Amino acid sequence: MAVNKDPILKRCRYLGISPMVMGINKSSNRNPNANSRRKVSEYGTQLKEKQKLKFIYGVQETPFRHYFELAEKMEGKAGDNLITILESRLDNVAFRMGMALTRREARQLVSHGHFTVNGQRVDIPSYRVAVGDVIAVCEKSRQTEKFKALPEQTAGRTVPLWLDANKEAFSATVNRLPNPADIDYEAETHLIVELYSK
């Protein structure tokens, strides 16, 4: 399994996203407009948008392209469908419901079998949740200091409307599929569609 070891703050600055999107409450003292002076080609703009989504969700090129192919086959806009697919990954849901500080941590916690979907343990971070699914922390894991401290550590994080989260019960229910209006960053997915259409 490939692991992205890029420095998060440096990558966020390059891609033009807030570290808060990654679950990190830090800021950089460097000039945020340092890269804006450089002229970027149309291809460069499209590539950067794709890199941004891959970085945020921790997805490598092969699965990302597979997600795009699935998004194209679904009804509606391919760009919007791509956001829906990425947001409905189990590791992202664990992060969104406040049971992990970052998506990278959520991926690791899911891989180690700390989460269940409808009562069944799932250890695949890329598992896609569906409407009505109940995602919860395993009973045994709830007793650990790590999970006991999480509700307080993620108290300021806004839970998206498509999730009905109960932090006291360490669980969340998927009310509906996510859409681009639910994300907390700017995404120009039409650029990714143009990039893959070449």
N, C-alpha and C. Protein backbone atom coordinates (compact mmCIF):
# COMPACT_ATOMS: atom_id res chain seq x y z
N MET A 1 0.84 -1.19 0.00
CA MET A 1 0.00 0.00 0.00
C MET A 1 0.88 1.25 0.00
N ALA A 2 0.68 2.13 -0.96
CA ALA A 2 1.46 3.37 -1.05
C ALA A 2 1.01 4.35 0.03
N VAL A 3 1.97 5.03 0.62
CA VAL A 3 1.68 5.99 1.68
C VAL A 3 2.21 7.35 1.27
N ASN A 4 1.39 8.36 1.42
CA ASN A 4 1.79 9.73 1.10
C ASN A 4 2.48 10.34 2.31
N LYS A 5 3.78 10.64 2.16
CA LYS A 5 4.54 11.18 3.27
C LYS A 5 4.91 12.65 3.07
N ASP A 6 4.21 13.31 2.15
CA ASP A 6 4.48 14.74 1.92
C ASP A 6 4.17 15.55 3.18
N PRO A 7 4.98 16.59 3.48
CA PRO A 7 4.65 17.48 4.60
C PRO A 7 3.29 18.14 4.36
N ILE A 8 2.37 17.99 5.29
CA ILE A 8 1.00 18.41 5.07
C ILE A 8 0.87 19.92 4.87
N LEU A 9 1.51 20.72 5.71
CA LEU A 9 1.38 22.17 5.58
C LEU A 9 1.94 22.68 4.25
N LYS A 10 3.07 22.11 3.85
CA LYS A 10 3.69 22.52 2.59
C LYS A 10 2.79 22.17 1.41
N ARG A 11 2.20 20.96 1.46
CA ARG A 11 1.32 20.51 0.37
C ARG A 11 0.03 21.34 0.34
N CYS A 12 -0.52 21.65 1.52
CA CYS A 12 -1.73 22.48 1.60
C CYS A 12 -1.48 23.85 0.99
N ARG A 13 -0.31 24.42 1.28
CA ARG A 13 0.03 25.75 0.75
C ARG A 13 0.12 25.69 -0.77
N TYR A 14 0.75 24.64 -1.31
CA TYR A 14 0.90 24.50 -2.77
C TYR A 14 -0.46 24.33 -3.46
N LEU A 15 -1.34 23.53 -2.85
CA LEU A 15 -2.63 23.25 -3.46
C LEU A 15 -3.69 24.31 -3.15
N GLY A 16 -3.36 25.24 -2.25
CA GLY A 16 -4.27 26.33 -1.95
C GLY A 16 -5.45 25.94 -1.08
N ILE A 17 -5.23 24.99 -0.16
CA ILE A 17 -6.31 24.58 0.75
C ILE A 17 -5.90 24.85 2.19
N SER A 18 -6.88 25.01 3.05
CA SER A 18 -6.63 25.27 4.46
C SER A 18 -6.24 23.96 5.16
N PRO A 19 -5.25 24.00 6.06
CA PRO A 19 -4.90 22.79 6.83
C PRO A 19 -6.08 22.24 7.64
N MET A 20 -7.08 23.10 7.93
CA MET A 20 -8.26 22.65 8.68
C MET A 20 -9.03 21.58 7.91
N VAL A 21 -8.97 21.63 6.57
CA VAL A 21 -9.63 20.62 5.73
C VAL A 21 -9.04 19.24 6.02
N MET A 22 -7.73 19.22 6.34
CA MET A 22 -7.04 17.97 6.63
C MET A 22 -7.17 17.58 8.10
N GLY A 23 -7.83 18.43 8.89
CA GLY A 23 -8.00 18.13 10.31
C GLY A 23 -6.85 18.65 11.16
N ILE A 24 -6.03 19.54 10.59
CA ILE A 24 -4.86 20.05 11.31
C ILE A 24 -5.07 21.52 11.64
N ASN A 25 -4.97 21.85 12.90
CA ASN A 25 -5.21 23.22 13.36
C ASN A 25 -3.89 23.96 13.48
N LYS A 26 -3.26 24.20 12.34
CA LYS A 26 -1.99 24.92 12.31
C LYS A 26 -2.01 25.89 11.15
N SER A 27 -1.14 26.86 11.21
CA SER A 27 -1.02 27.78 10.08
C SER A 27 0.46 27.98 9.80
N SER A 28 0.74 28.38 8.58
CA SER A 28 2.12 28.62 8.16
C SER A 28 2.38 30.13 8.16
N ASN A 29 3.60 30.52 8.54
CA ASN A 29 3.97 31.93 8.56
C ASN A 29 4.48 32.40 7.21
N ARG A 30 4.63 31.49 6.27
CA ARG A 30 5.16 31.85 4.96
C ARG A 30 4.11 32.58 4.13
N ASN A 31 4.57 33.27 3.11
CA ASN A 31 3.70 34.06 2.25
C ASN A 31 2.74 33.15 1.47
N PRO A 32 1.42 33.26 1.71
CA PRO A 32 0.48 32.38 1.02
C PRO A 32 0.37 32.66 -0.48
N ASN A 33 0.82 33.86 -0.91
CA ASN A 33 0.72 34.23 -2.32
C ASN A 33 2.03 33.99 -3.09
N ALA A 34 2.96 33.25 -2.49
CA ALA A 34 4.27 33.05 -3.12
C ALA A 34 4.17 32.36 -4.47
N ASN A 35 3.24 31.39 -4.60
CA ASN A 35 3.12 30.65 -5.85
C ASN A 35 2.21 31.32 -6.87
N SER A 36 1.49 32.37 -6.46
CA SER A 36 0.50 32.97 -7.34
C SER A 36 1.13 33.80 -8.45
N ARG A 37 2.42 34.16 -8.30
CA ARG A 37 3.09 34.96 -9.31
C ARG A 37 3.47 34.14 -10.55
N ARG A 38 3.56 32.84 -10.36
CA ARG A 38 3.96 31.97 -11.46
C ARG A 38 2.78 31.70 -12.39
N LYS A 39 2.99 31.84 -13.69
CA LYS A 39 1.92 31.58 -14.65
C LYS A 39 1.72 30.08 -14.80
N VAL A 40 0.46 29.64 -14.69
CA VAL A 40 0.15 28.21 -14.77
C VAL A 40 -0.66 27.94 -16.03
N SER A 41 -0.30 26.89 -16.74
CA SER A 41 -1.01 26.53 -17.96
C SER A 41 -2.37 25.93 -17.63
N GLU A 42 -3.20 25.76 -18.66
CA GLU A 42 -4.52 25.15 -18.47
C GLU A 42 -4.38 23.72 -17.94
N TYR A 43 -3.43 22.99 -18.53
CA TYR A 43 -3.17 21.62 -18.07
C TYR A 43 -2.72 21.62 -16.61
N GLY A 44 -1.84 22.58 -16.27
CA GLY A 44 -1.34 22.67 -14.89
C GLY A 44 -2.46 22.92 -13.90
N THR A 45 -3.42 23.76 -14.27
CA THR A 45 -4.57 24.07 -13.41
C THR A 45 -5.43 22.82 -13.20
N GLN A 46 -5.66 22.08 -14.29
CA GLN A 46 -6.47 20.86 -14.20
C GLN A 46 -5.77 19.81 -13.34
N LEU A 47 -4.46 19.66 -13.56
CA LEU A 47 -3.68 18.67 -12.80
C LEU A 47 -3.67 19.00 -11.31
N LYS A 48 -3.54 20.29 -11.00
CA LYS A 48 -3.51 20.73 -9.60
C LYS A 48 -4.83 20.41 -8.89
N GLU A 49 -5.93 20.57 -9.62
CA GLU A 49 -7.25 20.27 -9.04
C GLU A 49 -7.37 18.78 -8.72
N LYS A 50 -6.85 17.95 -9.64
CA LYS A 50 -6.88 16.50 -9.40
C LYS A 50 -5.98 16.14 -8.21
N GLN A 51 -4.79 16.75 -8.15
CA GLN A 51 -3.86 16.49 -7.05
C GLN A 51 -4.47 16.90 -5.71
N LYS A 52 -5.26 17.98 -5.74
CA LYS A 52 -5.90 18.46 -4.51
C LYS A 52 -6.85 17.41 -3.93
N LEU A 53 -7.72 16.86 -4.78
CA LEU A 53 -8.67 15.85 -4.30
C LEU A 53 -7.96 14.58 -3.86
N LYS A 54 -6.94 14.17 -4.63
CA LYS A 54 -6.18 12.97 -4.27
C LYS A 54 -5.51 13.15 -2.90
N PHE A 55 -4.98 14.35 -2.65
CA PHE A 55 -4.29 14.63 -1.40
C PHE A 55 -5.27 14.68 -0.22
N ILE A 56 -6.39 15.36 -0.40
CA ILE A 56 -7.37 15.49 0.68
C ILE A 56 -7.87 14.13 1.14
N TYR A 57 -8.20 13.25 0.19
CA TYR A 57 -8.79 11.95 0.55
C TYR A 57 -7.75 10.83 0.66
N GLY A 58 -6.49 11.13 0.40
CA GLY A 58 -5.44 10.12 0.54
C GLY A 58 -5.57 8.98 -0.45
N VAL A 59 -5.94 9.31 -1.69
CA VAL A 59 -6.16 8.29 -2.72
C VAL A 59 -5.05 8.37 -3.76
N GLN A 60 -4.53 7.22 -4.16
CA GLN A 60 -3.50 7.17 -5.20
C GLN A 60 -4.13 7.23 -6.59
N GLU A 61 -3.30 7.32 -7.63
CA GLU A 61 -3.78 7.54 -8.99
C GLU A 61 -4.70 6.44 -9.52
N THR A 62 -4.31 5.17 -9.33
CA THR A 62 -5.11 4.06 -9.90
C THR A 62 -6.53 4.02 -9.33
N PRO A 63 -6.71 4.01 -8.00
CA PRO A 63 -8.09 4.02 -7.49
C PRO A 63 -8.84 5.30 -7.82
N PHE A 64 -8.12 6.43 -7.89
CA PHE A 64 -8.78 7.70 -8.22
C PHE A 64 -9.35 7.65 -9.63
N ARG A 65 -8.58 7.10 -10.57
CA ARG A 65 -9.06 6.98 -11.95
C ARG A 65 -10.27 6.03 -12.00
N HIS A 66 -10.21 4.96 -11.19
CA HIS A 66 -11.33 4.01 -11.12
C HIS A 66 -12.59 4.72 -10.61
N TYR A 67 -12.43 5.57 -9.59
CA TYR A 67 -13.56 6.33 -9.06
C TYR A 67 -14.14 7.25 -10.15
N PHE A 68 -13.25 7.86 -10.94
CA PHE A 68 -13.72 8.75 -11.99
C PHE A 68 -14.52 7.97 -13.04
N GLU A 69 -14.05 6.78 -13.39
CA GLU A 69 -14.76 5.95 -14.37
C GLU A 69 -16.14 5.56 -13.84
N LEU A 70 -16.22 5.26 -12.52
CA LEU A 70 -17.52 4.96 -11.91
C LEU A 70 -18.43 6.18 -11.95
N ALA A 71 -17.85 7.35 -11.65
CA ALA A 71 -18.61 8.60 -11.63
C ALA A 71 -19.21 8.92 -13.00
N GLU A 72 -18.45 8.62 -14.06
CA GLU A 72 -18.94 8.87 -15.42
C GLU A 72 -20.14 8.00 -15.76
N LYS A 73 -20.18 6.79 -15.22
CA LYS A 73 -21.26 5.85 -15.52
C LYS A 73 -22.54 6.15 -14.73
N MET A 74 -22.40 6.89 -13.63
CA MET A 74 -23.55 7.23 -12.80
C MET A 74 -24.36 8.35 -13.43
N GLU A 75 -25.62 8.48 -13.03
CA GLU A 75 -26.47 9.57 -13.52
C GLU A 75 -26.00 10.89 -12.94
N GLY A 76 -26.18 11.96 -13.72
CA GLY A 76 -25.79 13.28 -13.24
C GLY A 76 -24.41 13.67 -13.72
N LYS A 77 -23.87 14.75 -13.13
CA LYS A 77 -22.56 15.26 -13.52
C LYS A 77 -21.45 14.37 -12.96
N ALA A 78 -20.47 14.07 -13.80
CA ALA A 78 -19.36 13.20 -13.38
C ALA A 78 -18.58 13.81 -12.21
N GLY A 79 -18.37 15.14 -12.24
CA GLY A 79 -17.63 15.80 -11.17
C GLY A 79 -18.33 15.71 -9.83
N ASP A 80 -19.65 15.93 -9.83
CA ASP A 80 -20.43 15.83 -8.59
C ASP A 80 -20.44 14.39 -8.08
N ASN A 81 -20.56 13.43 -9.00
CA ASN A 81 -20.56 12.01 -8.61
C ASN A 81 -19.23 11.60 -8.00
N LEU A 82 -18.13 12.18 -8.52
CA LEU A 82 -16.80 11.88 -7.99
C LEU A 82 -16.69 12.32 -6.53
N ILE A 83 -17.21 13.51 -6.21
CA ILE A 83 -17.21 14.00 -4.83
C ILE A 83 -18.04 13.06 -3.95
N THR A 84 -19.19 12.61 -4.44
CA THR A 84 -20.06 11.70 -3.69
C THR A 84 -19.32 10.41 -3.36
N ILE A 85 -18.62 9.85 -4.34
CA ILE A 85 -17.88 8.60 -4.14
C ILE A 85 -16.77 8.78 -3.11
N LEU A 86 -16.00 9.86 -3.25
CA LEU A 86 -14.88 10.10 -2.32
C LEU A 86 -15.37 10.36 -0.90
N GLU A 87 -16.45 11.13 -0.77
CA GLU A 87 -16.99 11.45 0.56
C GLU A 87 -17.59 10.23 1.25
N SER A 88 -18.07 9.25 0.48
CA SER A 88 -18.72 8.09 1.08
C SER A 88 -17.75 6.96 1.42
N ARG A 89 -16.45 7.20 1.28
CA ARG A 89 -15.45 6.22 1.73
C ARG A 89 -15.51 6.11 3.26
N LEU A 90 -15.28 4.92 3.77
CA LEU A 90 -15.41 4.68 5.22
C LEU A 90 -14.40 5.51 6.02
N ASP A 91 -13.16 5.63 5.52
CA ASP A 91 -12.18 6.41 6.28
C ASP A 91 -12.59 7.88 6.36
N ASN A 92 -13.20 8.41 5.28
CA ASN A 92 -13.68 9.79 5.31
C ASN A 92 -14.86 9.94 6.26
N VAL A 93 -15.76 8.95 6.29
CA VAL A 93 -16.92 8.99 7.19
C VAL A 93 -16.45 8.99 8.64
N ALA A 94 -15.44 8.16 8.95
CA ALA A 94 -14.90 8.12 10.32
C ALA A 94 -14.33 9.49 10.71
N PHE A 95 -13.67 10.15 9.78
CA PHE A 95 -13.13 11.49 10.02
C PHE A 95 -14.26 12.50 10.19
N ARG A 96 -15.25 12.45 9.29
CA ARG A 96 -16.36 13.40 9.31
C ARG A 96 -17.21 13.29 10.58
N MET A 97 -17.36 12.08 11.11
CA MET A 97 -18.19 11.92 12.30
C MET A 97 -17.43 12.25 13.59
N GLY A 98 -16.15 12.64 13.45
CA GLY A 98 -15.37 13.08 14.60
C GLY A 98 -14.70 11.97 15.37
N MET A 99 -14.49 10.82 14.73
CA MET A 99 -13.85 9.69 15.41
C MET A 99 -12.39 9.53 15.01
N ALA A 100 -11.83 10.57 14.41
CA ALA A 100 -10.40 10.62 14.07
C ALA A 100 -10.02 12.08 13.89
N LEU A 101 -8.77 12.40 14.21
CA LEU A 101 -8.32 13.79 14.10
C LEU A 101 -8.03 14.18 12.65
N THR A 102 -7.54 13.24 11.85
CA THR A 102 -7.24 13.51 10.45
C THR A 102 -7.73 12.32 9.61
N ARG A 103 -7.79 12.51 8.29
CA ARG A 103 -8.20 11.40 7.41
C ARG A 103 -7.13 10.31 7.41
N ARG A 104 -5.87 10.70 7.53
CA ARG A 104 -4.79 9.71 7.59
C ARG A 104 -4.96 8.82 8.82
N GLU A 105 -5.28 9.46 9.94
CA GLU A 105 -5.51 8.69 11.17
C GLU A 105 -6.74 7.80 11.03
N ALA A 106 -7.79 8.34 10.40
CA ALA A 106 -9.02 7.57 10.18
C ALA A 106 -8.73 6.33 9.35
N ARG A 107 -7.91 6.49 8.32
CA ARG A 107 -7.53 5.36 7.46
C ARG A 107 -6.85 4.26 8.28
N GLN A 108 -5.94 4.68 9.17
CA GLN A 108 -5.22 3.72 10.01
C GLN A 108 -6.16 3.02 11.00
N LEU A 109 -7.07 3.80 11.61
CA LEU A 109 -8.00 3.22 12.58
C LEU A 109 -8.95 2.22 11.92
N VAL A 110 -9.40 2.54 10.70
CA VAL A 110 -10.27 1.61 9.97
C VAL A 110 -9.49 0.35 9.62
N SER A 111 -8.25 0.51 9.15
CA SER A 111 -7.40 -0.63 8.77
C SER A 111 -7.16 -1.57 9.95
N HIS A 112 -7.12 -1.00 11.15
CA HIS A 112 -6.87 -1.80 12.35
C HIS A 112 -8.15 -2.41 12.93
N GLY A 113 -9.27 -2.23 12.22
CA GLY A 113 -10.51 -2.90 12.61
C GLY A 113 -11.26 -2.27 13.77
N HIS A 114 -11.16 -0.96 13.94
CA HIS A 114 -11.85 -0.30 15.06
C HIS A 114 -13.29 0.10 14.74
N PHE A 115 -13.73 -0.08 13.49
CA PHE A 115 -15.07 0.37 13.09
C PHE A 115 -15.94 -0.77 12.58
N THR A 116 -17.25 -0.60 12.78
CA THR A 116 -18.22 -1.54 12.24
C THR A 116 -19.21 -0.80 11.35
N VAL A 117 -19.74 -1.51 10.37
CA VAL A 117 -20.81 -0.98 9.52
C VAL A 117 -21.98 -1.94 9.65
N ASN A 118 -23.08 -1.45 10.20
CA ASN A 118 -24.28 -2.28 10.47
C ASN A 118 -23.95 -3.49 11.33
N GLY A 119 -23.05 -3.28 12.31
CA GLY A 119 -22.71 -4.35 13.25
C GLY A 119 -21.60 -5.28 12.79
N GLN A 120 -21.18 -5.17 11.53
CA GLN A 120 -20.11 -6.03 11.00
C GLN A 120 -18.80 -5.24 10.95
N ARG A 121 -17.72 -5.83 11.46
CA ARG A 121 -16.44 -5.15 11.44
C ARG A 121 -15.93 -5.02 10.01
N VAL A 122 -15.49 -3.81 9.65
CA VAL A 122 -14.96 -3.55 8.31
C VAL A 122 -13.58 -2.91 8.48
N ASP A 123 -12.56 -3.48 7.82
CA ASP A 123 -11.20 -2.95 7.92
C ASP A 123 -10.66 -2.48 6.57
N ILE A 124 -11.57 -2.07 5.69
CA ILE A 124 -11.19 -1.58 4.36
C ILE A 124 -11.51 -0.09 4.29
N PRO A 125 -10.49 0.78 4.30
CA PRO A 125 -10.74 2.24 4.29
C PRO A 125 -11.55 2.72 3.09
N SER A 126 -11.42 2.03 1.94
CA SER A 126 -12.12 2.47 0.73
C SER A 126 -13.55 1.94 0.65
N TYR A 127 -14.00 1.21 1.67
CA TYR A 127 -15.38 0.69 1.68
C TYR A 127 -16.35 1.86 1.55
N ARG A 128 -17.31 1.73 0.63
CA ARG A 128 -18.27 2.81 0.40
C ARG A 128 -19.56 2.57 1.17
N VAL A 129 -19.93 3.55 1.99
CA VAL A 129 -21.15 3.43 2.78
C VAL A 129 -22.36 3.77 1.92
N ALA A 130 -23.52 3.31 2.34
CA ALA A 130 -24.77 3.55 1.61
C ALA A 130 -25.78 4.22 2.54
N VAL A 131 -26.85 4.73 1.98
CA VAL A 131 -27.90 5.38 2.77
C VAL A 131 -28.49 4.36 3.75
N GLY A 132 -28.59 4.75 5.02
CA GLY A 132 -29.15 3.87 6.04
C GLY A 132 -28.09 3.10 6.83
N ASP A 133 -26.86 3.10 6.36
CA ASP A 133 -25.78 2.39 7.07
C ASP A 133 -25.50 3.06 8.41
N VAL A 134 -25.21 2.24 9.41
CA VAL A 134 -24.84 2.74 10.74
C VAL A 134 -23.37 2.42 10.95
N ILE A 135 -22.56 3.46 11.07
CA ILE A 135 -21.12 3.30 11.28
C ILE A 135 -20.85 3.56 12.76
N ALA A 136 -20.12 2.64 13.39
CA ALA A 136 -19.87 2.78 14.83
C ALA A 136 -18.47 2.28 15.18
N VAL A 137 -17.98 2.74 16.33
CA VAL A 137 -16.71 2.25 16.86
C VAL A 137 -17.00 0.94 17.60
N CYS A 138 -16.13 -0.05 17.43
CA CYS A 138 -16.29 -1.34 18.11
C CYS A 138 -16.39 -1.14 19.61
N GLU A 139 -17.19 -1.99 20.26
CA GLU A 139 -17.39 -1.90 21.72
C GLU A 139 -16.06 -1.90 22.48
N LYS A 140 -15.17 -2.80 22.10
CA LYS A 140 -13.88 -2.93 22.80
C LYS A 140 -13.04 -1.66 22.63
N SER A 141 -13.08 -1.09 21.42
CA SER A 141 -12.27 0.11 21.14
C SER A 141 -12.76 1.33 21.89
N ARG A 142 -14.06 1.38 22.21
CA ARG A 142 -14.62 2.55 22.90
C ARG A 142 -14.01 2.76 24.28
N GLN A 143 -13.48 1.70 24.87
CA GLN A 143 -12.92 1.78 26.22
C GLN A 143 -11.50 2.34 26.23
N THR A 144 -10.87 2.47 25.06
CA THR A 144 -9.49 2.94 25.01
C THR A 144 -9.43 4.45 25.23
N GLU A 145 -8.29 4.91 25.74
CA GLU A 145 -8.10 6.33 26.01
C GLU A 145 -8.19 7.15 24.73
N LYS A 146 -7.73 6.57 23.64
CA LYS A 146 -7.76 7.26 22.34
C LYS A 146 -9.17 7.70 21.98
N PHE A 147 -10.11 6.76 22.00
CA PHE A 147 -11.48 7.07 21.59
C PHE A 147 -12.24 7.84 22.67
N LYS A 148 -11.91 7.65 23.93
CA LYS A 148 -12.57 8.41 24.99
C LYS A 148 -12.27 9.90 24.86
N ALA A 149 -11.05 10.23 24.38
CA ALA A 149 -10.65 11.63 24.28
C ALA A 149 -11.14 12.30 22.99
N LEU A 150 -11.51 11.52 21.99
CA LEU A 150 -11.87 12.08 20.68
C LEU A 150 -13.07 13.03 20.68
N PRO A 151 -14.20 12.71 21.37
CA PRO A 151 -15.34 13.64 21.33
C PRO A 151 -14.97 15.05 21.76
N GLU A 152 -14.11 15.16 22.77
CA GLU A 152 -13.69 16.48 23.23
C GLU A 152 -12.71 17.13 22.26
N GLN A 153 -11.79 16.33 21.69
CA GLN A 153 -10.79 16.85 20.76
C GLN A 153 -11.40 17.34 19.45
N THR A 154 -12.53 16.74 19.05
CA THR A 154 -13.17 17.12 17.77
C THR A 154 -14.47 17.89 18.01
N ALA A 155 -14.62 18.49 19.20
CA ALA A 155 -15.86 19.18 19.55
C ALA A 155 -16.17 20.35 18.62
N GLY A 156 -15.15 21.03 18.11
CA GLY A 156 -15.37 22.19 17.25
C GLY A 156 -15.65 21.84 15.80
N ARG A 157 -15.54 20.59 15.44
CA ARG A 157 -15.72 20.19 14.03
C ARG A 157 -17.19 20.06 13.69
N THR A 158 -17.58 20.62 12.55
CA THR A 158 -18.96 20.54 12.11
C THR A 158 -19.21 19.22 11.38
N VAL A 159 -20.22 18.50 11.81
CA VAL A 159 -20.59 17.23 11.17
C VAL A 159 -21.49 17.56 9.98
N PRO A 160 -21.21 17.03 8.79
CA PRO A 160 -22.03 17.35 7.61
C PRO A 160 -23.47 16.87 7.77
N LEU A 161 -24.38 17.52 7.04
CA LEU A 161 -25.81 17.25 7.18
C LEU A 161 -26.20 15.84 6.73
N TRP A 162 -25.39 15.22 5.87
CA TRP A 162 -25.75 13.88 5.39
C TRP A 162 -25.44 12.79 6.42
N LEU A 163 -24.81 13.18 7.52
CA LEU A 163 -24.52 12.23 8.60
C LEU A 163 -25.26 12.64 9.86
N ASP A 164 -25.90 11.67 10.51
CA ASP A 164 -26.53 11.91 11.81
C ASP A 164 -25.63 11.28 12.86
N ALA A 165 -24.71 12.09 13.40
CA ALA A 165 -23.68 11.57 14.31
C ALA A 165 -24.10 11.69 15.77
N ASN A 166 -23.75 10.67 16.55
CA ASN A 166 -23.97 10.67 18.00
C ASN A 166 -22.63 10.33 18.64
N LYS A 167 -21.87 11.39 19.00
CA LYS A 167 -20.52 11.17 19.51
C LYS A 167 -20.50 10.43 20.85
N GLU A 168 -21.56 10.62 21.65
CA GLU A 168 -21.62 9.93 22.94
C GLU A 168 -21.76 8.41 22.74
N ALA A 169 -22.46 8.03 21.67
CA ALA A 169 -22.66 6.61 21.36
C ALA A 169 -21.60 6.09 20.38
N PHE A 170 -20.67 6.96 19.99
CA PHE A 170 -19.60 6.59 19.04
C PHE A 170 -20.17 6.02 17.74
N SER A 171 -21.25 6.61 17.24
CA SER A 171 -21.87 6.08 16.02
C SER A 171 -22.43 7.21 15.15
N ALA A 172 -22.74 6.86 13.91
CA ALA A 172 -23.35 7.81 12.97
C ALA A 172 -24.17 7.03 11.95
N THR A 173 -25.26 7.65 11.49
CA THR A 173 -26.12 7.04 10.48
C THR A 173 -26.07 7.89 9.21
N VAL A 174 -25.98 7.23 8.06
CA VAL A 174 -25.95 7.93 6.78
C VAL A 174 -27.39 8.25 6.37
N ASN A 175 -27.77 9.54 6.41
CA ASN A 175 -29.13 9.97 6.07
C ASN A 175 -29.36 10.00 4.56
N ARG A 176 -28.34 10.43 3.85
CA ARG A 176 -28.42 10.54 2.38
C ARG A 176 -27.00 10.53 1.85
N LEU A 177 -26.87 10.41 0.54
CA LEU A 177 -25.54 10.44 -0.06
C LEU A 177 -25.01 11.88 -0.05
N PRO A 178 -23.72 12.06 0.16
CA PRO A 178 -23.15 13.42 0.17
C PRO A 178 -23.16 14.03 -1.22
N ASN A 179 -23.13 15.35 -1.28
CA ASN A 179 -23.04 16.06 -2.56
C ASN A 179 -22.04 17.21 -2.42
N PRO A 180 -21.66 17.85 -3.53
CA PRO A 180 -20.64 18.91 -3.47
C PRO A 180 -20.95 20.05 -2.50
N ALA A 181 -22.23 20.28 -2.19
CA ALA A 181 -22.59 21.36 -1.26
C ALA A 181 -22.17 21.03 0.17
N ASP A 182 -21.86 19.76 0.45
CA ASP A 182 -21.53 19.34 1.82
C ASP A 182 -20.05 19.44 2.14
N ILE A 183 -19.20 19.68 1.15
CA ILE A 183 -17.76 19.69 1.42
C ILE A 183 -17.33 21.04 1.97
N ASP A 184 -16.21 21.03 2.71
CA ASP A 184 -15.75 22.24 3.40
C ASP A 184 -14.54 22.88 2.70
N TYR A 185 -14.42 22.68 1.40
CA TYR A 185 -13.35 23.28 0.61
C TYR A 185 -13.89 23.54 -0.80
N GLU A 186 -13.18 24.35 -1.56
CA GLU A 186 -13.62 24.65 -2.92
C GLU A 186 -13.07 23.60 -3.88
N ALA A 187 -13.95 23.06 -4.73
CA ALA A 187 -13.52 22.05 -5.70
C ALA A 187 -14.10 22.37 -7.06
N GLU A 188 -13.23 22.51 -8.04
CA GLU A 188 -13.67 22.74 -9.42
C GLU A 188 -13.53 21.43 -10.17
N THR A 189 -14.50 20.54 -9.94
CA THR A 189 -14.41 19.18 -10.48
C THR A 189 -14.51 19.14 -11.99
N HIS A 190 -15.07 20.19 -12.61
CA HIS A 190 -15.14 20.20 -14.08
C HIS A 190 -13.75 20.19 -14.70
N LEU A 191 -12.75 20.72 -13.97
CA LEU A 191 -11.37 20.70 -14.46
C LEU A 191 -10.83 19.27 -14.53
N ILE A 192 -11.23 18.44 -13.55
CA ILE A 192 -10.80 17.03 -13.54
C ILE A 192 -11.46 16.28 -14.68
N VAL A 193 -12.74 16.59 -14.93
CA VAL A 193 -13.46 15.97 -16.04
C VAL A 193 -12.78 16.32 -17.36
N GLU A 194 -12.38 17.59 -17.51
CA GLU A 194 -11.69 18.02 -18.72
C GLU A 194 -10.35 17.33 -18.87
N LEU A 195 -9.65 17.16 -17.73
CA LEU A 195 -8.33 16.52 -17.76
C LEU A 195 -8.42 15.08 -18.25
N TYR A 196 -9.36 14.33 -17.72
CA TYR A 196 -9.51 12.92 -18.10
C TYR A 196 -10.16 12.76 -19.47
N SER A 197 -10.77 13.82 -19.99
CA SER A 197 -11.44 13.73 -21.29
C SER A 197 -10.48 13.90 -22.46
N LYS A 198 -9.23 14.31 -22.16
CA LYS A 198 -8.26 14.57 -23.23
C LYS A 198 -7.81 13.26 -23.89
